[in-house]
Structure formats: C-alpha cells, structure tokens
PDB file of N, CA and C in Angstrom:
ATOM      1  N   MET A   1     -11.372  16.779 -30.628  1.00  0.00           N
ATOM      2  CA  MET A   1     -11.292  15.698 -29.652  1.00  0.00           C
ATOM      3  C   MET A   1      -9.825  15.441 -29.324  1.00  0.00           C
ATOM      4  N   THR A   2      -9.492  15.335 -28.061  1.00  0.00           N
ATOM      5  CA  THR A   2      -8.109  15.053 -27.662  1.00  0.00           C
ATOM      6  C   THR A   2      -7.862  13.559 -27.664  1.00  0.00           C
ATOM      7  N   ARG A   3      -6.645  13.237 -28.030  1.00  0.00           N
ATOM      8  CA  ARG A   3      -6.253  11.834 -28.074  1.00  0.00           C
ATOM      9  C   ARG A   3      -5.646  11.443 -26.736  1.00  0.00           C
ATOM     10  N   ARG A   4      -6.117  10.339 -26.168  1.00  0.00           N
ATOM     11  CA  ARG A   4      -5.604   9.852 -24.892  1.00  0.00           C
ATOM     12  C   ARG A   4      -4.399   8.959 -25.106  1.00  0.00           C
ATOM     13  N   THR A   5      -3.448   9.064 -24.200  1.00  0.00           N
ATOM     14  CA  THR A   5      -2.317   8.156 -24.200  1.00  0.00           C
ATOM     15  C   THR A   5      -2.559   7.115 -23.119  1.00  0.00           C
ATOM     16  N   LEU A   6      -2.672   5.872 -23.532  1.00  0.00           N
ATOM     17  CA  LEU A   6      -2.862   4.797 -22.558  1.00  0.00           C
ATOM     18  C   LEU A   6      -1.528   4.466 -21.919  1.00  0.00           C
ATOM     19  N   GLN A   7      -1.571   4.101 -20.643  1.00  0.00           N
ATOM     20  CA  GLN A   7      -0.347   3.863 -19.898  1.00  0.00           C
ATOM     21  C   GLN A   7      -0.351   2.486 -19.249  1.00  0.00           C
ATOM     22  N   ARG A   8       0.843   2.009 -18.926  1.00  0.00           N
ATOM     23  CA  ARG A   8       1.018   0.815 -18.108  1.00  0.00           C
ATOM     24  C   ARG A   8       1.256   1.309 -16.682  1.00  0.00           C
ATOM     25  N   ILE A   9       0.426   0.854 -15.761  1.00  0.00           N
ATOM     26  CA  ILE A   9       0.454   1.384 -14.398  1.00  0.00           C
ATOM     27  C   ILE A   9       0.527   0.241 -13.405  1.00  0.00           C
ATOM     28  N   GLY A  10       1.413   0.366 -12.429  1.00  0.00           N
ATOM     29  CA  GLY A  10       1.499  -0.588 -11.330  1.00  0.00           C
ATOM     30  C   GLY A  10       1.006   0.055 -10.051  1.00  0.00           C
ATOM     31  N   VAL A  11       0.143  -0.646  -9.315  1.00  0.00           N
ATOM     32  CA  VAL A  11      -0.409  -0.141  -8.057  1.00  0.00           C
ATOM     33  C   VAL A  11      -0.123  -1.167  -6.968  1.00  0.00           C
ATOM     34  N   VAL A  12       0.541  -0.730  -5.892  1.00  0.00           N
ATOM     35  CA  VAL A  12       0.851  -1.613  -4.770  1.00  0.00           C
ATOM     36  C   VAL A  12      -0.102  -1.283  -3.629  1.00  0.00           C
ATOM     37  N   ALA A  13      -0.901  -2.258  -3.224  1.00  0.00           N
ATOM     38  CA  ALA A  13      -1.891  -2.077  -2.160  1.00  0.00           C
ATOM     39  C   ALA A  13      -1.378  -2.659  -0.846  1.00  0.00           C
ATOM     40  N   PRO A  14      -1.936  -2.210   0.278  1.00  0.00           N
ATOM     41  CA  PRO A  14      -1.630  -2.872   1.547  1.00  0.00           C
ATOM     42  C   PRO A  14      -2.091  -4.329   1.462  1.00  0.00           C
ATOM     43  N   LEU A  15      -1.463  -5.195   2.204  1.00  0.00           N
ATOM     44  CA  LEU A  15      -1.761  -6.627   2.106  1.00  0.00           C
ATOM     45  C   LEU A  15      -2.644  -7.147   3.230  1.00  0.00           C
ATOM     46  N   TRP A  16      -3.091  -6.274   4.131  1.00  0.00           N
ATOM     47  CA  TRP A  16      -3.891  -6.727   5.268  1.00  0.00           C
ATOM     48  C   TRP A  16      -5.186  -7.379   4.822  1.00  0.00           C
ATOM     49  N   MET A  17      -5.845  -6.801   3.833  1.00  0.00           N
ATOM     50  CA  MET A  17      -7.162  -7.241   3.363  1.00  0.00           C
ATOM     51  C   MET A  17      -7.125  -7.410   1.845  1.00  0.00           C
ATOM     52  N   PRO A  18      -8.071  -8.197   1.291  1.00  0.00           N
ATOM     53  CA  PRO A  18      -8.161  -8.249  -0.173  1.00  0.00           C
ATOM     54  C   PRO A  18      -8.672  -6.924  -0.719  1.00  0.00           C
ATOM     55  N   VAL A  19      -8.471  -6.725  -2.000  1.00  0.00           N
ATOM     56  CA  VAL A  19      -8.976  -5.543  -2.700  1.00  0.00           C
ATOM     57  C   VAL A  19     -10.077  -6.016  -3.653  1.00  0.00           C
ATOM     58  N   PRO A  20     -11.325  -5.586  -3.522  1.00  0.00           N
ATOM     59  CA  PRO A  20     -11.844  -4.752  -2.447  1.00  0.00           C
ATOM     60  C   PRO A  20     -12.041  -5.596  -1.193  1.00  0.00           C
ATOM     61  N   PRO A  21     -12.035  -4.965  -0.023  1.00  0.00           N
ATOM     62  CA  PRO A  21     -12.242  -5.723   1.207  1.00  0.00           C
ATOM     63  C   PRO A  21     -13.694  -6.187   1.313  1.00  0.00           C
ATOM     64  N   VAL A  22     -13.904  -7.261   2.055  1.00  0.00           N
ATOM     65  CA  VAL A  22     -15.248  -7.818   2.194  1.00  0.00           C
ATOM     66  C   VAL A  22     -16.120  -6.916   3.062  1.00  0.00           C
ATOM     67  N   THR A  23     -15.573  -6.439   4.189  1.00  0.00           N
ATOM     68  CA  THR A  23     -16.393  -5.633   5.093  1.00  0.00           C
ATOM     69  C   THR A  23     -15.790  -4.269   5.400  1.00  0.00           C
ATOM     70  N   TYR A  24     -14.500  -4.185   5.428  1.00  0.00           N
ATOM     71  CA  TYR A  24     -13.787  -2.982   5.838  1.00  0.00           C
ATOM     72  C   TYR A  24     -13.770  -1.971   4.696  1.00  0.00           C
ATOM     73  N   GLY A  25     -13.815  -0.684   4.982  1.00  0.00           N
ATOM     74  CA  GLY A  25     -13.833   0.345   3.941  1.00  0.00           C
ATOM     75  C   GLY A  25     -12.455   0.708   3.455  1.00  0.00           C
ATOM     76  N   GLY A  26     -11.700   1.443   4.209  1.00  0.00           N
ATOM     77  CA  GLY A  26     -10.304   1.795   4.046  1.00  0.00           C
ATOM     78  C   GLY A  26      -9.716   1.985   2.662  1.00  0.00           C
ATOM     79  N   ILE A  27      -8.408   2.034   2.659  1.00  0.00           N
ATOM     80  CA  ILE A  27      -7.648   2.319   1.443  1.00  0.00           C
ATOM     81  C   ILE A  27      -7.853   1.243   0.380  1.00  0.00           C
ATOM     82  N   GLU A  28      -8.080  -0.004   0.819  1.00  0.00           N
ATOM     83  CA  GLU A  28      -8.286  -1.075  -0.164  1.00  0.00           C
ATOM     84  C   GLU A  28      -9.503  -0.804  -1.040  1.00  0.00           C
ATOM     85  N   ARG A  29     -10.565  -0.270  -0.445  1.00  0.00           N
ATOM     86  CA  ARG A  29     -11.764   0.053  -1.238  1.00  0.00           C
ATOM     87  C   ARG A  29     -11.480   1.193  -2.208  1.00  0.00           C
ATOM     88  N   HIS A  30     -10.765   2.204  -1.762  1.00  0.00           N
ATOM     89  CA  HIS A  30     -10.420   3.329  -2.646  1.00  0.00           C
ATOM     90  C   HIS A  30      -9.530   2.860  -3.801  1.00  0.00           C
ATOM     91  N   LEU A  31      -8.558   2.010  -3.493  1.00  0.00           N
ATOM     92  CA  LEU A  31      -7.685   1.495  -4.554  1.00  0.00           C
ATOM     93  C   LEU A  31      -8.478   0.663  -5.553  1.00  0.00           C
ATOM     94  N   HIS A  32      -9.433  -0.109  -5.060  1.00  0.00           N
ATOM     95  CA  HIS A  32     -10.271  -0.904  -5.967  1.00  0.00           C
ATOM     96  C   HIS A  32     -11.001   0.006  -6.960  1.00  0.00           C
ATOM     97  N   LEU A  33     -11.608   1.059  -6.453  1.00  0.00           N
ATOM     98  CA  LEU A  33     -12.323   1.991  -7.336  1.00  0.00           C
ATOM     99  C   LEU A  33     -11.375   2.640  -8.337  1.00  0.00           C
ATOM    100  N   LEU A  34     -10.191   3.046  -7.881  1.00  0.00           N
ATOM    101  CA  LEU A  34      -9.202   3.667  -8.763  1.00  0.00           C
ATOM    102  C   LEU A  34      -8.743   2.693  -9.850  1.00  0.00           C
ATOM    103  N   VAL A  35      -8.353   1.485  -9.443  1.00  0.00           N
ATOM    104  CA  VAL A  35      -7.838   0.499 -10.402  1.00  0.00           C
ATOM    105  C   VAL A  35      -8.904   0.121 -11.424  1.00  0.00           C
ATOM    106  N   GLU A  36     -10.129  -0.105 -10.967  1.00  0.00           N
ATOM    107  CA  GLU A  36     -11.193  -0.486 -11.898  1.00  0.00           C
ATOM    108  C   GLU A  36     -11.486   0.626 -12.899  1.00  0.00           C
ATOM    109  N   GLU A  37     -11.427   1.868 -12.457  1.00  0.00           N
ATOM    110  CA  GLU A  37     -11.660   2.991 -13.377  1.00  0.00           C
ATOM    111  C   GLU A  37     -10.517   3.112 -14.393  1.00  0.00           C
ATOM    112  N   LEU A  38      -9.287   2.921 -13.938  1.00  0.00           N
ATOM    113  CA  LEU A  38      -8.151   2.972 -14.868  1.00  0.00           C
ATOM    114  C   LEU A  38      -8.261   1.884 -15.929  1.00  0.00           C
ATOM    115  N   VAL A  39      -8.648   0.671 -15.515  1.00  0.00           N
ATOM    116  CA  VAL A  39      -8.842  -0.428 -16.470  1.00  0.00           C
ATOM    117  C   VAL A  39      -9.989  -0.093 -17.420  1.00  0.00           C
ATOM    118  N   ARG A  40     -11.091   0.439 -16.882  1.00  0.00           N
ATOM    119  CA  ARG A  40     -12.243   0.797 -17.717  1.00  0.00           C
ATOM    120  C   ARG A  40     -11.854   1.806 -18.794  1.00  0.00           C
ATOM    121  N   ARG A  41     -10.912   2.687 -18.452  1.00  0.00           N
ATOM    122  CA  ARG A  41     -10.460   3.698 -19.417  1.00  0.00           C
ATOM    123  C   ARG A  41      -9.419   3.157 -20.393  1.00  0.00           C
ATOM    124  N   GLY A  42      -9.067   1.883 -20.265  1.00  0.00           N
ATOM    125  CA  GLY A  42      -8.186   1.246 -21.239  1.00  0.00           C
ATOM    126  C   GLY A  42      -6.732   1.129 -20.839  1.00  0.00           C
ATOM    127  N   HIS A  43      -6.368   1.567 -19.645  1.00  0.00           N
ATOM    128  CA  HIS A  43      -4.975   1.467 -19.206  1.00  0.00           C
ATOM    129  C   HIS A  43      -4.637   0.019 -18.844  1.00  0.00           C
ATOM    130  N   ASP A  44      -3.380  -0.342 -18.999  1.00  0.00           N
ATOM    131  CA  ASP A  44      -2.865  -1.666 -18.647  1.00  0.00           C
ATOM    132  C   ASP A  44      -2.385  -1.589 -17.198  1.00  0.00           C
ATOM    133  N   VAL A  45      -3.200  -2.094 -16.262  1.00  0.00           N
ATOM    134  CA  VAL A  45      -2.929  -1.942 -14.836  1.00  0.00           C
ATOM    135  C   VAL A  45      -2.571  -3.283 -14.219  1.00  0.00           C
ATOM    136  N   THR A  46      -1.515  -3.290 -13.400  1.00  0.00           N
ATOM    137  CA  THR A  46      -1.170  -4.442 -12.582  1.00  0.00           C
ATOM    138  C   THR A  46      -1.355  -4.042 -11.129  1.00  0.00           C
ATOM    139  N   LEU A  47      -2.162  -4.827 -10.410  1.00  0.00           N
ATOM    140  CA  LEU A  47      -2.406  -4.591  -8.996  1.00  0.00           C
ATOM    141  C   LEU A  47      -1.607  -5.591  -8.188  1.00  0.00           C
ATOM    142  N   PHE A  48      -0.756  -5.090  -7.304  1.00  0.00           N
ATOM    143  CA  PHE A  48       0.007  -5.927  -6.379  1.00  0.00           C
ATOM    144  C   PHE A  48      -0.748  -5.892  -5.061  1.00  0.00           C
ATOM    145  N   ALA A  49      -1.404  -7.001  -4.723  1.00  0.00           N
ATOM    146  CA  ALA A  49      -2.295  -7.034  -3.560  1.00  0.00           C
ATOM    147  C   ALA A  49      -2.398  -8.472  -3.051  1.00  0.00           C
ATOM    148  N   ALA A  50      -3.194  -8.665  -2.006  1.00  0.00           N
ATOM    149  CA  ALA A  50      -3.419 -10.007  -1.461  1.00  0.00           C
ATOM    150  C   ALA A  50      -4.002 -10.915  -2.544  1.00  0.00           C
ATOM    151  N   GLY A  51      -3.649 -12.196  -2.487  1.00  0.00           N
ATOM    152  CA  GLY A  51      -4.047 -13.150  -3.519  1.00  0.00           C
ATOM    153  C   GLY A  51      -5.533 -13.383  -3.660  1.00  0.00           C
ATOM    154  N   ASP A  52      -6.312 -13.070  -2.614  1.00  0.00           N
ATOM    155  CA  ASP A  52      -7.757 -13.248  -2.705  1.00  0.00           C
ATOM    156  C   ASP A  52      -8.469 -11.971  -3.164  1.00  0.00           C
ATOM    157  N   SER A  53      -7.723 -11.044  -3.734  1.00  0.00           N
ATOM    158  CA  SER A  53      -8.305  -9.816  -4.275  1.00  0.00           C
ATOM    159  C   SER A  53      -9.068 -10.119  -5.560  1.00  0.00           C
ATOM    160  N   ARG A  54     -10.062  -9.287  -5.870  1.00  0.00           N
ATOM    161  CA  ARG A  54     -10.848  -9.420  -7.096  1.00  0.00           C
ATOM    162  C   ARG A  54     -10.686  -8.134  -7.904  1.00  0.00           C
ATOM    163  N   THR A  55     -10.193  -8.284  -9.119  1.00  0.00           N
ATOM    164  CA  THR A  55      -9.940  -7.112  -9.948  1.00  0.00           C
ATOM    165  C   THR A  55      -9.984  -7.482 -11.417  1.00  0.00           C
ATOM    166  N   SER A  56     -10.284  -6.513 -12.258  1.00  0.00           N
ATOM    167  CA  SER A  56     -10.199  -6.742 -13.700  1.00  0.00           C
ATOM    168  C   SER A  56      -8.806  -6.394 -14.217  1.00  0.00           C
ATOM    169  N   ALA A  57      -7.939  -5.888 -13.327  1.00  0.00           N
ATOM    170  CA  ALA A  57      -6.534  -5.644 -13.668  1.00  0.00           C
ATOM    171  C   ALA A  57      -5.771  -6.962 -13.555  1.00  0.00           C
ATOM    172  N   THR A  58      -4.513  -6.950 -13.969  1.00  0.00           N
ATOM    173  CA  THR A  58      -3.644  -8.101 -13.733  1.00  0.00           C
ATOM    174  C   THR A  58      -3.294  -8.110 -12.247  1.00  0.00           C
ATOM    175  N   LEU A  59      -3.444  -9.264 -11.586  1.00  0.00           N
ATOM    176  CA  LEU A  59      -3.169  -9.370 -10.153  1.00  0.00           C
ATOM    177  C   LEU A  59      -1.860 -10.111  -9.923  1.00  0.00           C
ATOM    178  N   GLN A  60      -0.988  -9.516  -9.133  1.00  0.00           N
ATOM    179  CA  GLN A  60       0.266 -10.159  -8.704  1.00  0.00           C
ATOM    180  C   GLN A  60       0.254 -10.164  -7.188  1.00  0.00           C
ATOM    181  N   SER A  61       0.656 -11.281  -6.574  1.00  0.00           N
ATOM    182  CA  SER A  61       0.614 -11.349  -5.122  1.00  0.00           C
ATOM    183  C   SER A  61       1.730 -12.204  -4.557  1.00  0.00           C
ATOM    184  N   ALA A  62       2.200 -11.807  -3.372  1.00  0.00           N
ATOM    185  CA  ALA A  62       3.196 -12.586  -2.643  1.00  0.00           C
ATOM    186  C   ALA A  62       2.537 -13.407  -1.537  1.00  0.00           C
ATOM    187  N   CYS A  63       1.219 -13.278  -1.361  1.00  0.00           N
ATOM    188  CA  CYS A  63       0.517 -14.046  -0.336  1.00  0.00           C
ATOM    189  C   CYS A  63      -0.825 -14.513  -0.893  1.00  0.00           C
ATOM    190  N   SER A  64      -1.261 -15.683  -0.451  1.00  0.00           N
ATOM    191  CA  SER A  64      -2.471 -16.292  -1.000  1.00  0.00           C
ATOM    192  C   SER A  64      -3.747 -15.581  -0.580  1.00  0.00           C
ATOM    193  N   ARG A  65      -3.739 -14.989   0.614  1.00  0.00           N
ATOM    194  CA  ARG A  65      -4.904 -14.272   1.147  1.00  0.00           C
ATOM    195  C   ARG A  65      -4.416 -13.038   1.885  1.00  0.00           C
ATOM    196  N   GLY A  66      -5.346 -12.215   2.340  1.00  0.00           N
ATOM    197  CA  GLY A  66      -4.969 -11.060   3.142  1.00  0.00           C
ATOM    198  C   GLY A  66      -4.165 -11.493   4.354  1.00  0.00           C
ATOM    199  N   VAL A  67      -3.153 -10.729   4.710  1.00  0.00           N
ATOM    200  CA  VAL A  67      -2.268 -11.104   5.806  1.00  0.00           C
ATOM    201  C   VAL A  67      -3.035 -11.191   7.130  1.00  0.00           C
ATOM    202  N   ALA A  68      -4.043 -10.370   7.345  1.00  0.00           N
ATOM    203  CA  ALA A  68      -4.845 -10.464   8.572  1.00  0.00           C
ATOM    204  C   ALA A  68      -5.500 -11.841   8.669  1.00  0.00           C
ATOM    205  N   THR A  69      -6.011 -12.349   7.565  1.00  0.00           N
ATOM    206  CA  THR A  69      -6.621 -13.682   7.538  1.00  0.00           C
ATOM    207  C   THR A  69      -5.571 -14.757   7.793  1.00  0.00           C
ATOM    208  N   LEU A  70      -4.404 -14.614   7.160  1.00  0.00           N
ATOM    209  CA  LEU A  70      -3.320 -15.578   7.367  1.00  0.00           C
ATOM    210  C   LEU A  70      -2.865 -15.594   8.824  1.00  0.00           C
ATOM    211  N   MET A  71      -2.775 -14.411   9.440  1.00  0.00           N
ATOM    212  CA  MET A  71      -2.361 -14.338  10.847  1.00  0.00           C
ATOM    213  C   MET A  71      -3.412 -14.975  11.754  1.00  0.00           C
ATOM    214  N   ASP A  72      -4.695 -14.720  11.485  1.00  0.00           N
ATOM    215  CA  ASP A  72      -5.764 -15.331  12.277  1.00  0.00           C
ATOM    216  C   ASP A  72      -5.711 -16.850  12.210  1.00  0.00           C
ATOM    217  N   ALA A  73      -5.309 -17.380  11.049  1.00  0.00           N
ATOM    218  CA  ALA A  73      -5.235 -18.831  10.860  1.00  0.00           C
ATOM    219  C   ALA A  73      -3.903 -19.410  11.351  1.00  0.00           C
ATOM    220  N   GLY A  74      -3.018 -18.564  11.844  1.00  0.00           N
ATOM    221  CA  GLY A  74      -1.715 -19.033  12.306  1.00  0.00           C
ATOM    222  C   GLY A  74      -0.759 -19.366  11.180  1.00  0.00           C
ATOM    223  N   GLU A  75      -1.020 -18.852   9.983  1.00  0.00           N
ATOM    224  CA  GLU A  75      -0.191 -19.162   8.816  1.00  0.00           C
ATOM    225  C   GLU A  75       0.821 -18.068   8.495  1.00  0.00           C
ATOM    226  N   ALA A  76       0.786 -16.966   9.228  1.00  0.00           N
ATOM    227  CA  ALA A  76       1.728 -15.872   8.989  1.00  0.00           C
ATOM    228  C   ALA A  76       2.012 -15.178  10.313  1.00  0.00           C
ATOM    229  N   CYS A  77       3.207 -14.628  10.414  1.00  0.00           N
ATOM    230  CA  CYS A  77       3.588 -13.912  11.634  1.00  0.00           C
ATOM    231  C   CYS A  77       3.942 -12.455  11.373  1.00  0.00           C
ATOM    232  N   PHE A  78       4.607 -12.190  10.262  1.00  0.00           N
ATOM    233  CA  PHE A  78       5.150 -10.852  10.037  1.00  0.00           C
ATOM    234  C   PHE A  78       4.599 -10.242   8.756  1.00  0.00           C
ATOM    235  N   TYR A  79       3.847  -9.166   8.905  1.00  0.00           N
ATOM    236  CA  TYR A  79       3.320  -8.431   7.756  1.00  0.00           C
ATOM    237  C   TYR A  79       4.450  -7.952   6.856  1.00  0.00           C
ATOM    238  N   GLU A  80       5.532  -7.495   7.475  1.00  0.00           N
ATOM    239  CA  GLU A  80       6.646  -6.911   6.721  1.00  0.00           C
ATOM    240  C   GLU A  80       7.232  -7.888   5.715  1.00  0.00           C
ATOM    241  N   HIS A  81       7.255  -9.188   6.035  1.00  0.00           N
ATOM    242  CA  HIS A  81       7.774 -10.199   5.099  1.00  0.00           C
ATOM    243  C   HIS A  81       6.992 -10.149   3.788  1.00  0.00           C
ATOM    244  N   TYR A  82       5.661 -10.152   3.877  1.00  0.00           N
ATOM    245  CA  TYR A  82       4.820 -10.132   2.679  1.00  0.00           C
ATOM    246  C   TYR A  82       4.887  -8.777   1.975  1.00  0.00           C
ATOM    247  N   LEU A  83       4.951  -7.710   2.757  1.00  0.00           N
ATOM    248  CA  LEU A  83       5.069  -6.371   2.181  1.00  0.00           C
ATOM    249  C   LEU A  83       6.356  -6.248   1.371  1.00  0.00           C
ATOM    250  N   ASN A  84       7.475  -6.684   1.949  1.00  0.00           N
ATOM    251  CA  ASN A  84       8.761  -6.613   1.238  1.00  0.00           C
ATOM    252  C   ASN A  84       8.751  -7.488  -0.016  1.00  0.00           C
ATOM    253  N   ALA A  85       8.148  -8.665   0.071  1.00  0.00           N
ATOM    254  CA  ALA A  85       8.069  -9.541  -1.100  1.00  0.00           C
ATOM    255  C   ALA A  85       7.230  -8.907  -2.201  1.00  0.00           C
ATOM    256  N   THR A  86       6.148  -8.241  -1.824  1.00  0.00           N
ATOM    257  CA  THR A  86       5.288  -7.582  -2.811  1.00  0.00           C
ATOM    258  C   THR A  86       6.000  -6.407  -3.464  1.00  0.00           C
ATOM    259  N   LEU A  87       6.695  -5.615  -2.653  1.00  0.00           N
ATOM    260  CA  LEU A  87       7.470  -4.507  -3.226  1.00  0.00           C
ATOM    261  C   LEU A  87       8.546  -5.031  -4.172  1.00  0.00           C
ATOM    262  N   ALA A  88       9.192  -6.134  -3.807  1.00  0.00           N
ATOM    263  CA  ALA A  88      10.206  -6.729  -4.685  1.00  0.00           C
ATOM    264  C   ALA A  88       9.573  -7.185  -6.004  1.00  0.00           C
ATOM    265  N   LEU A  89       8.380  -7.785  -5.945  1.00  0.00           N
ATOM    266  CA  LEU A  89       7.668  -8.182  -7.170  1.00  0.00           C
ATOM    267  C   LEU A  89       7.400  -6.976  -8.063  1.00  0.00           C
ATOM    268  N   ALA A  90       6.924  -5.898  -7.450  1.00  0.00           N
ATOM    269  CA  ALA A  90       6.604  -4.693  -8.223  1.00  0.00           C
ATOM    270  C   ALA A  90       7.856  -4.107  -8.863  1.00  0.00           C
ATOM    271  N   LEU A  91       8.915  -4.010  -8.087  1.00  0.00           N
ATOM    272  CA  LEU A  91      10.151  -3.424  -8.626  1.00  0.00           C
ATOM    273  C   LEU A  91      10.775  -4.310  -9.691  1.00  0.00           C
ATOM    274  N   ALA A  92      10.707  -5.626  -9.509  1.00  0.00           N
ATOM    275  CA  ALA A  92      11.261  -6.543 -10.514  1.00  0.00           C
ATOM    276  C   ALA A  92      10.447  -6.505 -11.806  1.00  0.00           C
ATOM    277  N   SER A  93       9.160  -6.225 -11.706  1.00  0.00           N
ATOM    278  CA  SER A  93       8.285  -6.180 -12.883  1.00  0.00           C
ATOM    279  C   SER A  93       8.413  -4.880 -13.662  1.00  0.00           C
ATOM    280  N   ALA A  94       8.850  -3.822 -12.999  1.00  0.00           N
ATOM    281  CA  ALA A  94       8.861  -2.489 -13.622  1.00  0.00           C
ATOM    282  C   ALA A  94       9.621  -2.429 -14.946  1.00  0.00           C
ATOM    283  N   PRO A  95      10.860  -2.948 -15.034  1.00  0.00           N
ATOM    284  CA  PRO A  95      11.574  -2.837 -16.324  1.00  0.00           C
ATOM    285  C   PRO A  95      10.888  -3.594 -17.463  1.00  0.00           C
ATOM    286  N   GLN A  96      10.379  -4.809 -17.189  1.00  0.00           N
ATOM    287  CA  GLN A  96       9.726  -5.587 -18.245  1.00  0.00           C
ATOM    288  C   GLN A  96       8.420  -4.940 -18.691  1.00  0.00           C
ATOM    289  N   ARG A  97       7.723  -4.301 -17.772  1.00  0.00           N
ATOM    290  CA  ARG A  97       6.431  -3.696 -18.091  1.00  0.00           C
ATOM    291  C   ARG A  97       6.583  -2.275 -18.612  1.00  0.00           C
ATOM    292  N   ASN A  98       7.796  -1.746 -18.574  1.00  0.00           N
ATOM    293  CA  ASN A  98       8.068  -0.387 -19.060  1.00  0.00           C
ATOM    294  C   ASN A  98       7.188   0.646 -18.354  1.00  0.00           C
ATOM    295  N   TRP A  99       7.144   0.570 -17.020  1.00  0.00           N
ATOM    296  CA  TRP A  99       6.315   1.486 -16.244  1.00  0.00           C
ATOM    297  C   TRP A  99       6.948   2.849 -16.068  1.00  0.00           C
ATOM    298  N   GLY A 100       8.272   2.925 -16.178  1.00  0.00           N
ATOM    299  CA  GLY A 100       8.914   4.206 -15.923  1.00  0.00           C
ATOM    300  C   GLY A 100       8.619   4.659 -14.506  1.00  0.00           C
ATOM    301  N   ASP A 101       8.009   5.812 -14.351  1.00  0.00           N
ATOM    302  CA  ASP A 101       7.723   6.328 -13.003  1.00  0.00           C
ATOM    303  C   ASP A 101       6.261   6.150 -12.622  1.00  0.00           C
ATOM    304  N   ARG A 102       5.551   5.230 -13.245  1.00  0.00           N
ATOM    305  CA  ARG A 102       4.130   5.069 -12.980  1.00  0.00           C
ATOM    306  C   ARG A 102       3.851   3.847 -12.108  1.00  0.00           C
ATOM    307  N   VAL A 103       4.534   3.758 -10.986  1.00  0.00           N
ATOM    308  CA  VAL A 103       4.244   2.721  -9.988  1.00  0.00           C
ATOM    309  C   VAL A 103       3.818   3.457  -8.737  1.00  0.00           C
ATOM    310  N   GLY A 104       2.625   3.192  -8.264  1.00  0.00           N
ATOM    311  CA  GLY A 104       2.118   3.851  -7.067  1.00  0.00           C
ATOM    312  C   GLY A 104       1.996   2.868  -5.939  1.00  0.00           C
ATOM    313  N   ALA A 105       2.414   3.247  -4.749  1.00  0.00           N
ATOM    314  CA  ALA A 105       2.314   2.379  -3.579  1.00  0.00           C
ATOM    315  C   ALA A 105       1.492   3.080  -2.503  1.00  0.00           C
ATOM    316  N   ALA A 106       0.469   2.382  -2.016  1.00  0.00           N
ATOM    317  CA  ALA A 106      -0.339   2.909  -0.922  1.00  0.00           C
ATOM    318  C   ALA A 106      -0.297   1.857   0.182  1.00  0.00           C
ATOM    319  N   ILE A 107       0.841   1.766   0.832  1.00  0.00           N
ATOM    320  CA  ILE A 107       1.061   0.688   1.797  1.00  0.00           C
ATOM    321  C   ILE A 107       1.073   1.222   3.209  1.00  0.00           C
ATOM    322  N   GLY A 108       0.770   0.367   4.148  1.00  0.00           N
ATOM    323  CA  GLY A 108       0.750   0.798   5.523  1.00  0.00           C
ATOM    324  C   GLY A 108       0.887  -0.333   6.480  1.00  0.00           C
TER     325      GLY A 108
END
C-alpha cells in the first residue's frame, strides 16, 4: 500500500458566481467538485471565492456575494477590484499556510 502525502492547497475561483453556482454550470461547478474531492481525500484546502459559496473547505472571500449579484443590486461596479483583493488574500495567506507552489487560480 502506498502512503499518501496530504497537502495544503489554495484554490482561487472566479468571483462572478458562488461555488457551486445556483443555476450556471461553468468553472465554478468544476472547482466545487475538485475542492470537495480534495477535502474528502484529507487535504487541507482553502477556497478563495465569493462569500456566498458553500464548501467543506476553508472559505476566504473579499466579497459577501457573487460579483454578478452585487452588480445587479448596484453594490459593486468593478469585478477587477474584488478579483485583485482575492488574489491579494491568497498571496498573503501562502506563507502562513506553507502552500509553496500549490496555489491554483482559475479566474476570468
């Protein structure tokens, strides 16, 4: 039997929709499946995504809800502001979490 090495992994998702999205399929749904499987296998995963995301990983967010929802409500104007804030959160967390090169970003 081979011994598995558990890892600390950071995943940065697009902020347009929560992970998993309510109706839309897209990358958010794929990331949800990936993150949940990594957690199920025992890895320590942090998901950087919209604040209304649902995950068994640790969730970090720079926005309370998906940016599309915030824009519809007139509460946000620029996606890039939230994207940059989320990337800054991920990069600032990397040294404390000892991620090394295991931070993945699927942003758009």
